[in-house]
Amino acid sequence: MESEHLQQVRLVAWFRRTYPGVRVFAIPNGGARSGVQGAKLKAEGVSPGVPDLCVPEWSLWVEMKREAGGIISPVQKDWIAYLESIGHRVIIGRGFDDAKRQIEMIKPQ
């Protein structure tokens, strides 16, 4: 089974091929860091729980999880609730295929 990282890499590549001109970018919240690097990123505005990807043109956020077993943490639930409360869309993609399917279902016409 592919890692969450590889699933997200595939999703971004597919998205950029399928919707050229529509921008998607990653939020650098995950990964192991030193205490100093973590403090720098926090001071710069990195916030735990923010979804992994954003498509600004569509007000869409994507939280990627493994196909099986990925858990949405309380801080992620809080961010998702906040984003939805201000009119943004959030999908939880359980692997590449699930995220792709959800994006195809909601993309603007």
N, C-alpha and C. Protein backbone atom coordinates (compact mmCIF):
# COMPACT_ATOMS: atom_id res chain seq x y z
N MET A 1 0.85 -1.18 0.00
CA MET A 1 0.00 0.00 0.00
C MET A 1 0.90 1.25 0.00
N GLU A 2 0.57 2.20 -0.85
CA GLU A 2 1.35 3.43 -0.95
C GLU A 2 1.20 4.28 0.31
N SER A 3 2.24 5.02 0.62
CA SER A 3 2.19 5.94 1.76
C SER A 3 1.26 7.11 1.44
N GLU A 4 0.85 7.80 2.49
CA GLU A 4 0.03 9.01 2.32
C GLU A 4 0.78 10.01 1.44
N HIS A 5 2.09 10.12 1.65
CA HIS A 5 2.91 11.04 0.85
C HIS A 5 2.79 10.72 -0.65
N LEU A 6 2.99 9.46 -1.01
CA LEU A 6 2.94 9.09 -2.43
C LEU A 6 1.54 9.27 -3.01
N GLN A 7 0.51 9.00 -2.22
CA GLN A 7 -0.87 9.21 -2.67
C GLN A 7 -1.09 10.70 -2.98
N GLN A 8 -0.57 11.56 -2.10
CA GLN A 8 -0.73 13.00 -2.30
C GLN A 8 0.06 13.48 -3.51
N VAL A 9 1.27 12.96 -3.70
CA VAL A 9 2.07 13.30 -4.88
C VAL A 9 1.32 12.93 -6.15
N ARG A 10 0.74 11.75 -6.19
CA ARG A 10 -0.04 11.33 -7.36
C ARG A 10 -1.25 12.23 -7.58
N LEU A 11 -1.92 12.61 -6.48
CA LEU A 11 -3.10 13.46 -6.60
C LEU A 11 -2.73 14.83 -7.18
N VAL A 12 -1.67 15.43 -6.68
CA VAL A 12 -1.26 16.75 -7.18
C VAL A 12 -0.88 16.65 -8.66
N ALA A 13 -0.14 15.62 -9.05
CA ALA A 13 0.24 15.45 -10.46
C ALA A 13 -1.00 15.29 -11.33
N TRP A 14 -1.94 14.45 -10.90
CA TRP A 14 -3.18 14.26 -11.65
C TRP A 14 -3.96 15.57 -11.76
N PHE A 15 -4.09 16.28 -10.64
CA PHE A 15 -4.86 17.52 -10.63
C PHE A 15 -4.28 18.53 -11.61
N ARG A 16 -2.96 18.70 -11.57
CA ARG A 16 -2.32 19.69 -12.43
C ARG A 16 -2.44 19.32 -13.91
N ARG A 17 -2.45 18.03 -14.23
CA ARG A 17 -2.67 17.59 -15.62
C ARG A 17 -4.12 17.80 -16.04
N THR A 18 -5.03 17.51 -15.13
CA THR A 18 -6.46 17.51 -15.45
C THR A 18 -7.06 18.90 -15.47
N TYR A 19 -6.58 19.79 -14.60
CA TYR A 19 -7.13 21.14 -14.48
C TYR A 19 -6.01 22.17 -14.66
N PRO A 20 -5.40 22.21 -15.84
CA PRO A 20 -4.30 23.18 -16.04
C PRO A 20 -4.82 24.60 -15.82
N GLY A 21 -4.04 25.39 -15.15
CA GLY A 21 -4.44 26.76 -14.86
C GLY A 21 -5.14 26.93 -13.53
N VAL A 22 -5.63 25.84 -12.95
CA VAL A 22 -6.23 25.90 -11.62
C VAL A 22 -5.13 25.51 -10.63
N ARG A 23 -4.83 26.40 -9.72
CA ARG A 23 -3.68 26.18 -8.83
C ARG A 23 -4.05 25.35 -7.61
N VAL A 24 -3.13 24.48 -7.27
CA VAL A 24 -3.23 23.67 -6.07
C VAL A 24 -1.88 23.78 -5.36
N PHE A 25 -1.92 23.90 -4.04
CA PHE A 25 -0.66 23.95 -3.30
C PHE A 25 -0.79 23.20 -1.99
N ALA A 26 0.38 22.78 -1.49
CA ALA A 26 0.43 22.00 -0.25
C ALA A 26 0.71 22.91 0.94
N ILE A 27 0.18 22.50 2.09
CA ILE A 27 0.41 23.18 3.36
C ILE A 27 1.46 22.37 4.12
N PRO A 28 2.60 22.95 4.47
CA PRO A 28 3.69 22.17 5.08
C PRO A 28 3.52 21.95 6.57
N ASN A 29 2.49 21.20 6.96
CA ASN A 29 2.24 20.97 8.38
C ASN A 29 2.84 19.68 8.91
N GLY A 30 3.06 18.71 8.07
CA GLY A 30 3.49 17.40 8.54
C GLY A 30 5.00 17.24 8.56
N GLY A 31 5.42 16.10 9.01
CA GLY A 31 6.83 15.75 8.97
C GLY A 31 7.57 16.02 10.26
N ALA A 32 8.65 15.29 10.44
CA ALA A 32 9.48 15.47 11.63
C ALA A 32 10.40 16.67 11.43
N ARG A 33 10.55 17.46 12.49
CA ARG A 33 11.41 18.64 12.45
C ARG A 33 12.13 18.76 13.78
N SER A 34 13.21 19.49 13.75
CA SER A 34 13.89 19.79 15.01
C SER A 34 13.04 20.79 15.78
N GLY A 35 13.31 20.92 17.06
CA GLY A 35 12.58 21.89 17.88
C GLY A 35 12.76 23.31 17.38
N VAL A 36 13.97 23.63 16.94
CA VAL A 36 14.25 24.98 16.43
C VAL A 36 13.46 25.23 15.15
N GLN A 37 13.49 24.27 14.22
CA GLN A 37 12.75 24.43 12.96
C GLN A 37 11.25 24.51 13.21
N GLY A 38 10.74 23.67 14.12
CA GLY A 38 9.32 23.73 14.46
C GLY A 38 8.93 25.08 15.02
N ALA A 39 9.77 25.65 15.89
CA ALA A 39 9.49 26.97 16.47
C ALA A 39 9.49 28.05 15.39
N LYS A 40 10.43 27.97 14.45
CA LYS A 40 10.48 28.94 13.35
C LYS A 40 9.21 28.87 12.51
N LEU A 41 8.81 27.65 12.15
CA LEU A 41 7.61 27.50 11.33
C LEU A 41 6.37 27.98 12.07
N LYS A 42 6.27 27.68 13.35
CA LYS A 42 5.12 28.14 14.14
C LYS A 42 5.08 29.67 14.16
N ALA A 43 6.24 30.30 14.34
CA ALA A 43 6.31 31.76 14.35
C ALA A 43 5.91 32.35 12.99
N GLU A 44 6.20 31.60 11.91
CA GLU A 44 5.84 32.05 10.57
C GLU A 44 4.37 31.83 10.24
N GLY A 45 3.65 31.12 11.11
CA GLY A 45 2.22 30.94 10.89
C GLY A 45 1.76 29.54 10.57
N VAL A 46 2.66 28.57 10.54
CA VAL A 46 2.23 27.19 10.33
C VAL A 46 1.33 26.78 11.49
N SER A 47 0.18 26.21 11.17
CA SER A 47 -0.80 25.83 12.19
C SER A 47 -1.14 24.35 12.06
N PRO A 48 -0.96 23.59 13.12
CA PRO A 48 -1.33 22.17 13.08
C PRO A 48 -2.80 21.99 12.73
N GLY A 49 -3.08 20.96 11.94
CA GLY A 49 -4.46 20.63 11.63
C GLY A 49 -5.00 21.18 10.33
N VAL A 50 -4.29 22.15 9.74
CA VAL A 50 -4.74 22.70 8.46
C VAL A 50 -4.67 21.58 7.42
N PRO A 51 -5.70 21.44 6.57
CA PRO A 51 -5.66 20.38 5.56
C PRO A 51 -4.41 20.45 4.68
N ASP A 52 -4.10 19.32 4.05
CA ASP A 52 -2.86 19.16 3.31
C ASP A 52 -2.75 19.99 2.03
N LEU A 53 -3.86 20.16 1.32
CA LEU A 53 -3.85 20.84 0.03
C LEU A 53 -4.93 21.90 -0.04
N CYS A 54 -4.68 22.92 -0.85
CA CYS A 54 -5.68 23.97 -1.07
C CYS A 54 -5.79 24.26 -2.55
N VAL A 55 -7.03 24.44 -3.02
CA VAL A 55 -7.33 24.88 -4.38
C VAL A 55 -8.10 26.20 -4.21
N PRO A 56 -7.38 27.33 -4.18
CA PRO A 56 -8.03 28.60 -3.86
C PRO A 56 -9.20 28.97 -4.77
N GLU A 57 -9.05 28.74 -6.07
CA GLU A 57 -10.10 29.11 -7.03
C GLU A 57 -11.43 28.45 -6.72
N TRP A 58 -11.38 27.27 -6.15
CA TRP A 58 -12.59 26.52 -5.84
C TRP A 58 -12.95 26.59 -4.36
N SER A 59 -12.20 27.34 -3.55
CA SER A 59 -12.39 27.36 -2.09
C SER A 59 -12.42 25.93 -1.54
N LEU A 60 -11.50 25.12 -2.05
CA LEU A 60 -11.46 23.69 -1.72
C LEU A 60 -10.19 23.36 -0.95
N TRP A 61 -10.35 22.58 0.09
CA TRP A 61 -9.24 22.06 0.88
C TRP A 61 -9.33 20.54 0.86
N VAL A 62 -8.16 19.88 0.82
CA VAL A 62 -8.11 18.42 0.77
C VAL A 62 -7.23 17.92 1.91
N GLU A 63 -7.79 17.09 2.75
CA GLU A 63 -7.02 16.40 3.79
C GLU A 63 -6.80 14.98 3.30
N MET A 64 -5.54 14.62 3.09
CA MET A 64 -5.21 13.29 2.61
C MET A 64 -4.98 12.35 3.79
N LYS A 65 -5.52 11.16 3.67
CA LYS A 65 -5.31 10.10 4.66
C LYS A 65 -4.97 8.81 3.93
N ARG A 66 -4.39 7.89 4.66
CA ARG A 66 -4.13 6.56 4.08
C ARG A 66 -5.47 5.95 3.68
N GLU A 67 -5.42 5.00 2.79
CA GLU A 67 -6.64 4.33 2.33
C GLU A 67 -7.36 3.65 3.47
N ALA A 68 -6.60 3.15 4.43
CA ALA A 68 -7.21 2.48 5.59
C ALA A 68 -6.50 2.94 6.85
N GLY A 69 -7.26 3.27 7.86
CA GLY A 69 -6.70 3.54 9.16
C GLY A 69 -6.36 4.98 9.47
N GLY A 70 -6.43 5.88 8.51
CA GLY A 70 -6.11 7.28 8.78
C GLY A 70 -7.16 7.92 9.68
N ILE A 71 -6.72 8.59 10.69
CA ILE A 71 -7.62 9.20 11.68
C ILE A 71 -7.57 10.73 11.54
N ILE A 72 -8.73 11.36 11.65
CA ILE A 72 -8.82 12.82 11.69
C ILE A 72 -8.68 13.23 13.15
N SER A 73 -7.65 14.01 13.45
CA SER A 73 -7.39 14.41 14.83
C SER A 73 -8.37 15.51 15.26
N PRO A 74 -8.49 15.74 16.57
CA PRO A 74 -9.37 16.83 17.04
C PRO A 74 -8.99 18.20 16.44
N VAL A 75 -7.70 18.49 16.33
CA VAL A 75 -7.30 19.79 15.77
C VAL A 75 -7.64 19.86 14.29
N GLN A 76 -7.56 18.74 13.56
CA GLN A 76 -7.99 18.72 12.16
C GLN A 76 -9.50 18.91 12.06
N LYS A 77 -10.25 18.26 12.93
CA LYS A 77 -11.72 18.44 12.94
C LYS A 77 -12.07 19.90 13.17
N ASP A 78 -11.35 20.55 14.06
CA ASP A 78 -11.60 21.96 14.36
C ASP A 78 -11.35 22.83 13.12
N TRP A 79 -10.23 22.60 12.42
CA TRP A 79 -9.95 23.35 11.21
C TRP A 79 -10.99 23.09 10.13
N ILE A 80 -11.39 21.84 9.97
CA ILE A 80 -12.40 21.49 8.96
C ILE A 80 -13.71 22.22 9.28
N ALA A 81 -14.13 22.20 10.53
CA ALA A 81 -15.36 22.88 10.93
C ALA A 81 -15.25 24.38 10.66
N TYR A 82 -14.12 24.96 10.98
CA TYR A 82 -13.92 26.40 10.74
C TYR A 82 -14.01 26.71 9.24
N LEU A 83 -13.27 25.97 8.43
CA LEU A 83 -13.27 26.23 6.98
C LEU A 83 -14.68 26.09 6.40
N GLU A 84 -15.39 25.05 6.81
CA GLU A 84 -16.77 24.87 6.31
C GLU A 84 -17.68 25.99 6.80
N SER A 85 -17.45 26.50 8.01
CA SER A 85 -18.30 27.57 8.55
C SER A 85 -18.14 28.89 7.79
N ILE A 86 -17.01 29.06 7.09
CA ILE A 86 -16.81 30.28 6.31
C ILE A 86 -17.05 30.04 4.81
N GLY A 87 -17.69 28.90 4.50
CA GLY A 87 -18.12 28.65 3.13
C GLY A 87 -17.14 27.89 2.25
N HIS A 88 -16.08 27.37 2.83
CA HIS A 88 -15.14 26.58 2.04
C HIS A 88 -15.56 25.13 2.05
N ARG A 89 -15.09 24.38 1.07
CA ARG A 89 -15.35 22.96 0.98
C ARG A 89 -14.12 22.20 1.44
N VAL A 90 -14.32 21.14 2.19
CA VAL A 90 -13.22 20.29 2.64
C VAL A 90 -13.57 18.84 2.31
N ILE A 91 -12.63 18.16 1.67
CA ILE A 91 -12.83 16.73 1.46
C ILE A 91 -11.71 15.98 2.19
N ILE A 92 -12.04 14.80 2.63
CA ILE A 92 -11.07 13.91 3.23
C ILE A 92 -10.86 12.78 2.24
N GLY A 93 -9.70 12.78 1.60
CA GLY A 93 -9.39 11.77 0.60
C GLY A 93 -8.67 10.60 1.23
N ARG A 94 -9.30 9.46 1.21
CA ARG A 94 -8.68 8.25 1.75
C ARG A 94 -7.95 7.54 0.61
N GLY A 95 -6.78 8.11 0.29
CA GLY A 95 -5.99 7.62 -0.82
C GLY A 95 -6.28 8.40 -2.09
N PHE A 96 -5.44 8.17 -3.09
CA PHE A 96 -5.54 8.87 -4.37
C PHE A 96 -6.90 8.70 -5.03
N ASP A 97 -7.34 7.45 -5.18
CA ASP A 97 -8.59 7.20 -5.92
C ASP A 97 -9.78 7.87 -5.26
N ASP A 98 -9.87 7.82 -3.95
CA ASP A 98 -10.99 8.44 -3.25
C ASP A 98 -10.95 9.96 -3.39
N ALA A 99 -9.77 10.56 -3.22
CA ALA A 99 -9.66 12.01 -3.35
C ALA A 99 -10.01 12.45 -4.77
N LYS A 100 -9.50 11.74 -5.77
CA LYS A 100 -9.79 12.05 -7.17
C LYS A 100 -11.30 11.98 -7.43
N ARG A 101 -11.93 10.92 -6.96
CA ARG A 101 -13.38 10.75 -7.16
C ARG A 101 -14.15 11.92 -6.55
N GLN A 102 -13.78 12.31 -5.33
CA GLN A 102 -14.48 13.41 -4.67
C GLN A 102 -14.27 14.74 -5.40
N ILE A 103 -13.06 14.97 -5.87
CA ILE A 103 -12.79 16.20 -6.62
C ILE A 103 -13.61 16.23 -7.90
N GLU A 104 -13.66 15.12 -8.61
CA GLU A 104 -14.44 15.07 -9.86
C GLU A 104 -15.92 15.32 -9.60
N MET A 105 -16.41 14.92 -8.43
CA MET A 105 -17.83 15.11 -8.09
C MET A 105 -18.15 16.57 -7.77
N ILE A 106 -17.20 17.33 -7.24
CA ILE A 106 -17.52 18.69 -6.78
C ILE A 106 -16.94 19.79 -7.65
N LYS A 107 -16.11 19.48 -8.63
CA LYS A 107 -15.45 20.53 -9.40
C LYS A 107 -16.49 21.48 -10.00
N PRO A 108 -16.16 22.77 -10.01
CA PRO A 108 -17.09 23.75 -10.63
C PRO A 108 -17.24 23.46 -12.12
N GLN A 109 -18.41 23.75 -12.64
CA GLN A 109 -18.67 23.51 -14.08
C GLN A 109 -18.20 24.64 -14.93
